[in-house]
């Protein structure tokens, strides 16, 4: 029995979708390939721990002085990127309660997860939410042998 070209195309797309989703892993399960990837991942683990503990000082210590962060107020994706100082105010006013994302356990990624070029790194991932997939991107810089977040963004 000969299959129609439309059937072949649809079948191929379904397989790509299934295997594409299966290739995702949680950021927590990512296996670093280099010492720099391990250090970048360690920064993200520390950010996650500091945020879970609602520790403003530790959270801010992992962000560069010139960091720009998209915060979440309500469900609007139109929130602007804010400075580290504005982020501090947000956290001190209860922002941890509004950020219900467990970075390491909820964000899923595909290889390559971490792209490092010199003293800059980027991590991209997605996390599930009600009726939508949230896309995340963190840019980090290496300063005095320490990786710091310089930009934290998300959108859907």
N, C-alpha and C. Protein backbone atom coordinates (compact mmCIF):
# COMPACT_ATOMS: atom_id res chain seq x y z
N UNK A 1 0.84 -1.17 0.00
CA UNK A 1 0.00 0.00 0.00
C UNK A 1 0.89 1.24 0.00
N UNK A 2 0.64 2.13 -0.93
CA UNK A 2 1.43 3.33 -1.07
C UNK A 2 0.85 4.44 -0.20
N UNK A 3 1.72 5.12 0.57
CA UNK A 3 1.30 6.20 1.45
C UNK A 3 1.34 7.53 0.68
N UNK A 4 0.40 8.40 0.98
CA UNK A 4 0.36 9.70 0.31
C UNK A 4 1.49 10.59 0.86
N UNK A 5 1.94 11.54 0.06
CA UNK A 5 2.98 12.47 0.54
C UNK A 5 2.53 13.26 1.77
N UNK A 6 1.26 13.60 1.85
CA UNK A 6 0.75 14.34 3.00
C UNK A 6 0.88 13.50 4.27
N UNK A 7 0.54 12.21 4.18
CA UNK A 7 0.67 11.32 5.32
C UNK A 7 2.13 11.25 5.76
N UNK A 8 3.05 11.11 4.83
CA UNK A 8 4.47 11.02 5.15
C UNK A 8 4.96 12.29 5.85
N UNK A 9 4.54 13.44 5.37
CA UNK A 9 4.93 14.71 5.97
C UNK A 9 4.38 14.83 7.39
N UNK A 10 3.10 14.54 7.56
CA UNK A 10 2.48 14.62 8.89
C UNK A 10 3.12 13.64 9.86
N UNK A 11 3.37 12.44 9.41
CA UNK A 11 4.00 11.43 10.25
C UNK A 11 5.40 11.89 10.68
N UNK A 12 6.14 12.46 9.75
CA UNK A 12 7.48 12.96 10.05
C UNK A 12 7.45 14.09 11.07
N UNK A 13 6.49 15.00 10.92
CA UNK A 13 6.36 16.10 11.87
C UNK A 13 6.02 15.61 13.27
N UNK A 14 5.15 14.61 13.35
CA UNK A 14 4.79 14.04 14.66
C UNK A 14 6.03 13.42 15.30
N UNK A 15 6.81 12.68 14.55
CA UNK A 15 8.03 12.07 15.09
C UNK A 15 9.03 13.13 15.55
N UNK A 16 9.20 14.17 14.77
CA UNK A 16 10.11 15.25 15.15
C UNK A 16 9.64 15.89 16.45
N UNK A 17 8.35 16.13 16.56
CA UNK A 17 7.80 16.73 17.79
C UNK A 17 8.04 15.82 18.99
N UNK A 18 7.74 14.53 18.84
CA UNK A 18 7.89 13.58 19.95
C UNK A 18 9.35 13.49 20.38
N UNK A 19 10.25 13.30 19.44
CA UNK A 19 11.65 13.14 19.80
C UNK A 19 12.28 14.46 20.22
N UNK A 20 11.78 15.56 19.68
CA UNK A 20 12.27 16.88 20.10
C UNK A 20 11.94 17.16 21.54
N UNK A 21 10.74 16.82 21.98
CA UNK A 21 10.34 17.02 23.37
C UNK A 21 11.08 16.06 24.28
N UNK A 22 11.32 14.86 23.81
CA UNK A 22 12.00 13.87 24.64
C UNK A 22 13.45 14.26 24.88
N UNK A 23 14.02 15.07 24.02
CA UNK A 23 15.43 15.44 24.16
C UNK A 23 15.63 16.53 25.21
N UNK A 24 14.56 17.02 25.80
CA UNK A 24 14.71 18.06 26.81
C UNK A 24 15.01 17.43 28.16
N UNK A 25 15.78 18.15 28.94
CA UNK A 25 16.12 17.71 30.28
C UNK A 25 16.03 18.90 31.22
N UNK A 26 15.88 18.65 32.49
CA UNK A 26 15.84 19.73 33.46
C UNK A 26 17.23 20.32 33.61
N UNK A 27 17.29 21.61 33.85
CA UNK A 27 18.57 22.27 34.03
C UNK A 27 19.36 21.60 35.16
N UNK A 28 18.66 21.14 36.19
CA UNK A 28 19.31 20.47 37.32
C UNK A 28 20.04 19.20 36.90
N UNK A 29 19.57 18.57 35.81
CA UNK A 29 20.16 17.31 35.36
C UNK A 29 21.21 17.50 34.27
N UNK A 30 21.47 18.74 33.88
CA UNK A 30 22.44 19.00 32.83
C UNK A 30 23.83 18.59 33.28
N UNK A 31 24.53 17.89 32.44
CA UNK A 31 25.89 17.45 32.73
C UNK A 31 26.89 18.38 32.04
N UNK A 32 27.58 19.25 32.81
CA UNK A 32 28.52 20.18 32.20
C UNK A 32 29.66 19.45 31.49
N UNK A 33 30.07 20.04 30.37
CA UNK A 33 31.12 19.44 29.55
C UNK A 33 32.49 20.07 29.81
N UNK A 34 32.50 21.26 30.42
CA UNK A 34 33.76 21.95 30.70
C UNK A 34 33.71 22.54 32.11
N UNK A 35 34.86 22.99 32.58
CA UNK A 35 34.92 23.63 33.91
C UNK A 35 34.11 24.92 33.91
N UNK A 36 34.14 25.68 32.81
CA UNK A 36 33.35 26.91 32.74
C UNK A 36 31.86 26.61 32.77
N UNK A 37 31.42 25.58 32.05
CA UNK A 37 30.01 25.21 32.09
C UNK A 37 29.62 24.81 33.52
N UNK A 38 30.50 24.10 34.20
CA UNK A 38 30.22 23.71 35.58
C UNK A 38 30.10 24.94 36.48
N UNK A 39 30.97 25.93 36.27
CA UNK A 39 30.92 27.16 37.07
C UNK A 39 29.66 27.97 36.78
N UNK A 40 29.25 28.04 35.52
CA UNK A 40 28.03 28.75 35.14
C UNK A 40 26.82 28.04 35.76
N UNK A 41 26.78 26.74 35.66
CA UNK A 41 25.70 25.96 36.25
C UNK A 41 25.68 26.14 37.77
N UNK A 42 26.86 26.18 38.39
CA UNK A 42 26.95 26.39 39.83
C UNK A 42 26.34 27.75 40.22
N UNK A 43 26.58 28.78 39.41
CA UNK A 43 25.99 30.09 39.65
C UNK A 43 24.47 29.98 39.65
N UNK A 44 23.91 29.26 38.68
CA UNK A 44 22.46 29.10 38.59
C UNK A 44 21.91 28.32 39.78
N UNK A 45 22.64 27.31 40.23
CA UNK A 45 22.23 26.54 41.41
C UNK A 45 22.19 27.45 42.63
N UNK A 46 23.21 28.29 42.77
CA UNK A 46 23.27 29.20 43.92
C UNK A 46 22.15 30.24 43.86
N UNK A 47 21.85 30.75 42.67
CA UNK A 47 20.74 31.69 42.52
C UNK A 47 19.44 31.01 42.94
N UNK A 48 19.24 29.79 42.47
CA UNK A 48 18.05 29.03 42.80
C UNK A 48 17.92 28.84 44.31
N UNK A 49 19.01 28.46 44.95
CA UNK A 49 19.00 28.24 46.40
C UNK A 49 18.73 29.55 47.15
N UNK A 50 19.36 30.63 46.72
CA UNK A 50 19.17 31.93 47.38
C UNK A 50 17.73 32.40 47.24
N UNK A 51 17.16 32.20 46.06
CA UNK A 51 15.78 32.63 45.84
C UNK A 51 14.81 31.75 46.64
N UNK A 52 15.07 30.47 46.70
CA UNK A 52 14.21 29.56 47.47
C UNK A 52 14.25 29.93 48.95
N UNK A 53 15.41 30.38 49.42
CA UNK A 53 15.56 30.78 50.82
C UNK A 53 15.10 32.21 51.06
N UNK A 54 14.68 32.89 49.97
CA UNK A 54 14.26 34.30 50.02
C UNK A 54 15.35 35.17 50.64
N UNK A 55 16.59 34.89 50.25
CA UNK A 55 17.74 35.61 50.75
C UNK A 55 18.13 36.70 49.74
N UNK A 56 17.76 37.92 50.04
CA UNK A 56 18.00 39.04 49.14
C UNK A 56 19.50 39.24 48.89
N UNK A 57 20.28 39.25 49.94
CA UNK A 57 21.72 39.52 49.81
C UNK A 57 22.41 38.49 48.93
N UNK A 58 22.13 37.20 49.16
CA UNK A 58 22.77 36.15 48.36
C UNK A 58 22.29 36.20 46.91
N UNK A 59 21.00 36.48 46.72
CA UNK A 59 20.47 36.57 45.36
C UNK A 59 21.17 37.70 44.60
N UNK A 60 21.26 38.87 45.23
CA UNK A 60 21.88 40.02 44.56
C UNK A 60 23.37 39.81 44.33
N UNK A 61 24.04 39.10 45.23
CA UNK A 61 25.48 38.85 45.08
C UNK A 61 25.80 38.05 43.83
N UNK A 62 24.81 37.36 43.28
CA UNK A 62 25.02 36.55 42.09
C UNK A 62 24.62 37.28 40.80
N UNK A 63 24.27 38.55 40.95
CA UNK A 63 23.93 39.40 39.80
C UNK A 63 24.97 40.50 39.64
N UNK A 64 25.37 40.76 38.43
CA UNK A 64 26.32 41.82 38.11
C UNK A 64 25.73 43.18 38.49
N UNK A 65 26.58 44.14 38.80
CA UNK A 65 26.09 45.48 39.15
C UNK A 65 25.26 46.11 38.04
N UNK A 66 25.55 45.76 36.78
CA UNK A 66 24.82 46.31 35.64
C UNK A 66 23.72 45.38 35.14
N UNK A 67 23.30 44.45 35.97
CA UNK A 67 22.31 43.45 35.56
C UNK A 67 20.97 44.10 35.21
N UNK A 68 20.29 43.47 34.26
CA UNK A 68 18.93 43.82 33.88
C UNK A 68 18.10 42.55 34.06
N UNK A 69 17.01 42.67 34.79
CA UNK A 69 16.22 41.51 35.16
C UNK A 69 14.75 41.77 34.84
N UNK A 70 14.11 40.79 34.19
CA UNK A 70 12.67 40.90 33.97
C UNK A 70 11.99 40.26 35.17
N UNK A 71 11.26 41.05 35.90
CA UNK A 71 10.58 40.53 37.08
C UNK A 71 9.15 40.16 36.70
N UNK A 72 8.49 39.48 37.60
CA UNK A 72 7.11 39.09 37.31
C UNK A 72 6.17 39.72 38.32
N UNK A 73 5.32 40.57 37.82
CA UNK A 73 4.27 41.17 38.64
C UNK A 73 2.96 40.74 38.01
N UNK A 74 2.25 39.88 38.70
CA UNK A 74 1.02 39.36 38.12
C UNK A 74 1.33 38.44 36.96
N UNK A 75 0.50 38.50 35.95
CA UNK A 75 0.68 37.59 34.81
C UNK A 75 1.10 38.32 33.54
N UNK A 76 1.46 39.57 33.66
CA UNK A 76 1.82 40.34 32.47
C UNK A 76 3.22 39.98 31.98
N UNK A 77 3.33 39.72 30.70
CA UNK A 77 4.65 39.47 30.12
C UNK A 77 5.27 40.77 29.61
N UNK A 78 4.59 41.85 29.84
CA UNK A 78 5.07 43.15 29.37
C UNK A 78 5.90 43.88 30.42
N UNK A 79 6.30 43.19 31.46
CA UNK A 79 7.11 43.82 32.50
C UNK A 79 8.45 44.24 31.91
N UNK A 80 8.92 45.43 32.27
CA UNK A 80 10.20 45.89 31.73
C UNK A 80 11.37 45.21 32.43
N UNK A 81 12.52 45.25 31.77
CA UNK A 81 13.75 44.83 32.43
C UNK A 81 14.09 45.92 33.44
N UNK A 82 14.50 45.52 34.64
CA UNK A 82 14.81 46.49 35.68
C UNK A 82 16.28 46.38 36.08
N UNK A 83 16.78 47.41 36.74
CA UNK A 83 18.16 47.41 37.21
C UNK A 83 18.29 46.52 38.45
N UNK A 84 19.51 46.27 38.83
CA UNK A 84 19.77 45.48 40.04
C UNK A 84 19.16 46.16 41.26
N UNK A 85 19.24 47.48 41.30
CA UNK A 85 18.69 48.24 42.43
C UNK A 85 17.16 48.10 42.49
N UNK A 86 16.52 48.19 41.33
CA UNK A 86 15.07 48.02 41.28
C UNK A 86 14.68 46.58 41.64
N UNK A 87 15.50 45.64 41.21
CA UNK A 87 15.28 44.23 41.54
C UNK A 87 15.37 44.03 43.06
N UNK A 88 16.33 44.68 43.69
CA UNK A 88 16.46 44.60 45.14
C UNK A 88 15.20 45.11 45.84
N UNK A 89 14.71 46.25 45.40
CA UNK A 89 13.48 46.81 45.98
C UNK A 89 12.33 45.83 45.82
N UNK A 90 12.20 45.28 44.63
CA UNK A 90 11.16 44.30 44.33
C UNK A 90 11.24 43.11 45.29
N UNK A 91 12.45 42.57 45.47
CA UNK A 91 12.62 41.41 46.35
C UNK A 91 12.29 41.76 47.80
N UNK A 92 12.74 42.92 48.24
CA UNK A 92 12.50 43.34 49.64
C UNK A 92 11.02 43.62 49.90
N UNK A 93 10.28 43.91 48.84
CA UNK A 93 8.84 44.17 48.99
C UNK A 93 8.00 42.91 48.77
N UNK A 94 8.64 41.74 48.82
CA UNK A 94 7.90 40.49 48.71
C UNK A 94 7.93 39.84 47.35
N UNK A 95 8.83 40.25 46.48
CA UNK A 95 8.91 39.71 45.13
C UNK A 95 9.15 38.21 45.06
N UNK A 96 9.81 37.65 46.08
CA UNK A 96 10.06 36.21 46.06
C UNK A 96 8.75 35.43 45.97
N UNK A 97 7.71 35.95 46.59
CA UNK A 97 6.41 35.26 46.59
C UNK A 97 5.78 35.25 45.19
N UNK A 98 6.11 36.27 44.39
CA UNK A 98 5.56 36.35 43.03
C UNK A 98 6.33 35.49 42.05
N UNK A 99 7.58 35.18 42.37
CA UNK A 99 8.42 34.36 41.48
C UNK A 99 8.34 32.92 41.95
N UNK A 100 7.45 32.16 41.35
CA UNK A 100 7.24 30.80 41.81
C UNK A 100 7.94 29.76 40.95
N UNK A 101 8.97 30.17 40.27
CA UNK A 101 9.69 29.26 39.39
C UNK A 101 10.90 28.69 40.11
N UNK A 102 11.02 27.37 40.12
CA UNK A 102 12.20 26.69 40.62
C UNK A 102 13.10 26.48 39.40
N UNK A 103 14.06 27.38 39.22
CA UNK A 103 14.90 27.38 38.02
C UNK A 103 15.46 26.00 37.71
N UNK A 104 16.08 25.39 38.70
CA UNK A 104 16.80 24.15 38.45
C UNK A 104 15.87 22.96 38.19
N UNK A 105 14.71 22.93 38.83
CA UNK A 105 13.83 21.77 38.69
C UNK A 105 12.78 21.93 37.60
N UNK A 106 12.45 23.15 37.24
CA UNK A 106 11.37 23.35 36.28
C UNK A 106 11.84 23.73 34.88
N UNK A 107 12.97 24.41 34.78
CA UNK A 107 13.43 24.85 33.46
C UNK A 107 14.03 23.66 32.71
N UNK A 108 13.51 23.45 31.52
CA UNK A 108 14.00 22.37 30.67
C UNK A 108 14.80 22.98 29.52
N UNK A 109 15.78 22.23 29.08
CA UNK A 109 16.70 22.76 28.08
C UNK A 109 17.01 21.69 27.04
N UNK A 110 17.52 22.13 25.93
CA UNK A 110 18.01 21.23 24.90
C UNK A 110 19.49 21.53 24.69
N UNK A 111 20.25 20.54 24.28
CA UNK A 111 21.66 20.77 24.00
C UNK A 111 21.80 21.62 22.76
N UNK A 112 22.72 22.55 22.68
CA UNK A 112 23.55 22.96 23.81
C UNK A 112 22.79 23.92 24.72
N UNK A 113 22.86 23.65 25.99
CA UNK A 113 22.17 24.46 26.98
C UNK A 113 22.95 25.73 27.25
N UNK A 114 24.22 25.55 27.48
CA UNK A 114 25.07 26.66 27.86
C UNK A 114 26.04 26.95 26.72
N UNK A 115 26.04 28.20 26.28
CA UNK A 115 26.97 28.61 25.23
C UNK A 115 27.92 29.62 25.87
N UNK A 116 29.21 29.30 25.83
CA UNK A 116 30.22 30.17 26.44
C UNK A 116 31.15 30.67 25.35
N UNK A 117 31.32 32.00 25.34
CA UNK A 117 32.26 32.64 24.43
C UNK A 117 33.10 33.60 25.25
N UNK A 118 34.35 33.22 25.50
CA UNK A 118 35.22 34.06 26.32
C UNK A 118 34.67 34.19 27.73
N UNK A 119 34.43 35.42 28.15
CA UNK A 119 33.91 35.69 29.49
C UNK A 119 32.41 35.95 29.50
N UNK A 120 31.70 35.45 28.48
CA UNK A 120 30.24 35.58 28.40
C UNK A 120 29.62 34.20 28.24
N UNK A 121 28.46 34.04 28.84
CA UNK A 121 27.74 32.76 28.73
C UNK A 121 26.25 33.04 28.58
N UNK A 122 25.56 32.14 27.90
CA UNK A 122 24.11 32.23 27.74
C UNK A 122 23.51 30.86 28.05
N UNK A 123 22.42 30.89 28.80
CA UNK A 123 21.65 29.68 29.08
C UNK A 123 20.24 29.96 28.58
N UNK A 124 19.71 29.03 27.80
CA UNK A 124 18.33 29.15 27.32
C UNK A 124 17.56 27.93 27.76
N UNK A 125 16.27 28.12 28.04
CA UNK A 125 15.44 27.01 28.45
C UNK A 125 13.97 27.36 28.40
N UNK A 126 13.14 26.40 28.70
CA UNK A 126 11.70 26.61 28.75
C UNK A 126 11.15 25.99 30.03
N UNK A 127 10.01 26.49 30.46
CA UNK A 127 9.33 25.86 31.58
C UNK A 127 7.83 25.85 31.31
N UNK A 128 7.17 24.83 31.80
CA UNK A 128 5.74 24.74 31.56
C UNK A 128 4.96 25.69 32.46
N UNK A 129 3.88 26.21 31.95
CA UNK A 129 2.95 27.03 32.74
C UNK A 129 1.56 26.70 32.21
N UNK A 130 0.56 27.19 32.88
CA UNK A 130 -0.81 26.90 32.46
C UNK A 130 -1.05 27.42 31.04
N UNK A 131 -1.32 26.52 30.12
CA UNK A 131 -1.66 26.83 28.73
C UNK A 131 -0.58 27.56 27.95
N UNK A 132 0.66 27.57 28.42
CA UNK A 132 1.71 28.30 27.71
C UNK A 132 3.06 27.71 28.11
N UNK A 133 4.05 27.91 27.27
CA UNK A 133 5.42 27.55 27.60
C UNK A 133 6.21 28.84 27.77
N UNK A 134 6.85 28.97 28.91
CA UNK A 134 7.65 30.17 29.17
C UNK A 134 9.08 29.90 28.71
N UNK A 135 9.62 30.84 27.96
CA UNK A 135 11.00 30.75 27.49
C UNK A 135 11.88 31.62 28.38
N UNK A 136 13.04 31.08 28.72
CA UNK A 136 13.96 31.78 29.62
C UNK A 136 15.31 31.96 28.94
N UNK A 137 15.98 33.04 29.31
CA UNK A 137 17.34 33.26 28.83
C UNK A 137 18.10 34.01 29.91
N UNK A 138 19.22 33.46 30.28
CA UNK A 138 20.12 34.11 31.23
C UNK A 138 21.44 34.37 30.53
N UNK A 139 21.92 35.61 30.63
CA UNK A 139 23.24 35.96 30.14
C UNK A 139 24.11 36.19 31.36
N UNK A 140 25.30 35.62 31.34
CA UNK A 140 26.23 35.75 32.45
C UNK A 140 27.55 36.30 31.95
N UNK A 141 28.27 36.94 32.84
CA UNK A 141 29.62 37.42 32.54
C UNK A 141 30.55 36.91 33.63
N UNK A 142 31.79 36.68 33.22
CA UNK A 142 32.80 36.24 34.17
C UNK A 142 33.62 37.46 34.58
N UNK A 143 33.60 37.72 35.87
CA UNK A 143 34.31 38.88 36.40
C UNK A 143 35.12 38.42 37.61
N UNK A 144 36.42 38.60 37.54
CA UNK A 144 37.33 38.17 38.62
C UNK A 144 37.10 36.70 38.96
N UNK A 145 37.07 35.87 37.92
CA UNK A 145 36.90 34.42 38.05
C UNK A 145 35.57 34.00 38.67
N UNK A 146 34.57 34.87 38.63
CA UNK A 146 33.26 34.54 39.18
C UNK A 146 32.20 34.84 38.12
N UNK A 147 31.30 33.89 37.88
CA UNK A 147 30.21 34.08 36.93
C UNK A 147 29.06 34.79 37.62
N UNK A 148 28.54 35.83 36.97
CA UNK A 148 27.43 36.62 37.50
C UNK A 148 26.38 36.80 36.41
N UNK A 149 25.13 36.86 36.82
CA UNK A 149 24.05 37.09 35.86
C UNK A 149 24.03 38.57 35.51
N UNK A 150 24.07 38.87 34.21
CA UNK A 150 23.98 40.26 33.76
C UNK A 150 22.63 40.55 33.13
N UNK A 151 21.93 39.48 32.70
CA UNK A 151 20.60 39.67 32.16
C UNK A 151 19.78 38.40 32.40
N UNK A 152 18.59 38.60 32.96
CA UNK A 152 17.66 37.49 33.17
C UNK A 152 16.35 37.87 32.52
N UNK A 153 15.94 37.08 31.53
CA UNK A 153 14.75 37.44 30.76
C UNK A 153 13.86 36.22 30.58
N UNK A 154 12.59 36.45 30.35
CA UNK A 154 11.62 35.39 30.06
C UNK A 154 10.49 35.99 29.22
N UNK A 155 9.82 35.14 28.49
CA UNK A 155 8.69 35.56 27.66
C UNK A 155 7.93 34.31 27.25
N UNK A 156 6.73 34.50 26.72
CA UNK A 156 5.96 33.40 26.13
C UNK A 156 5.27 33.85 24.90
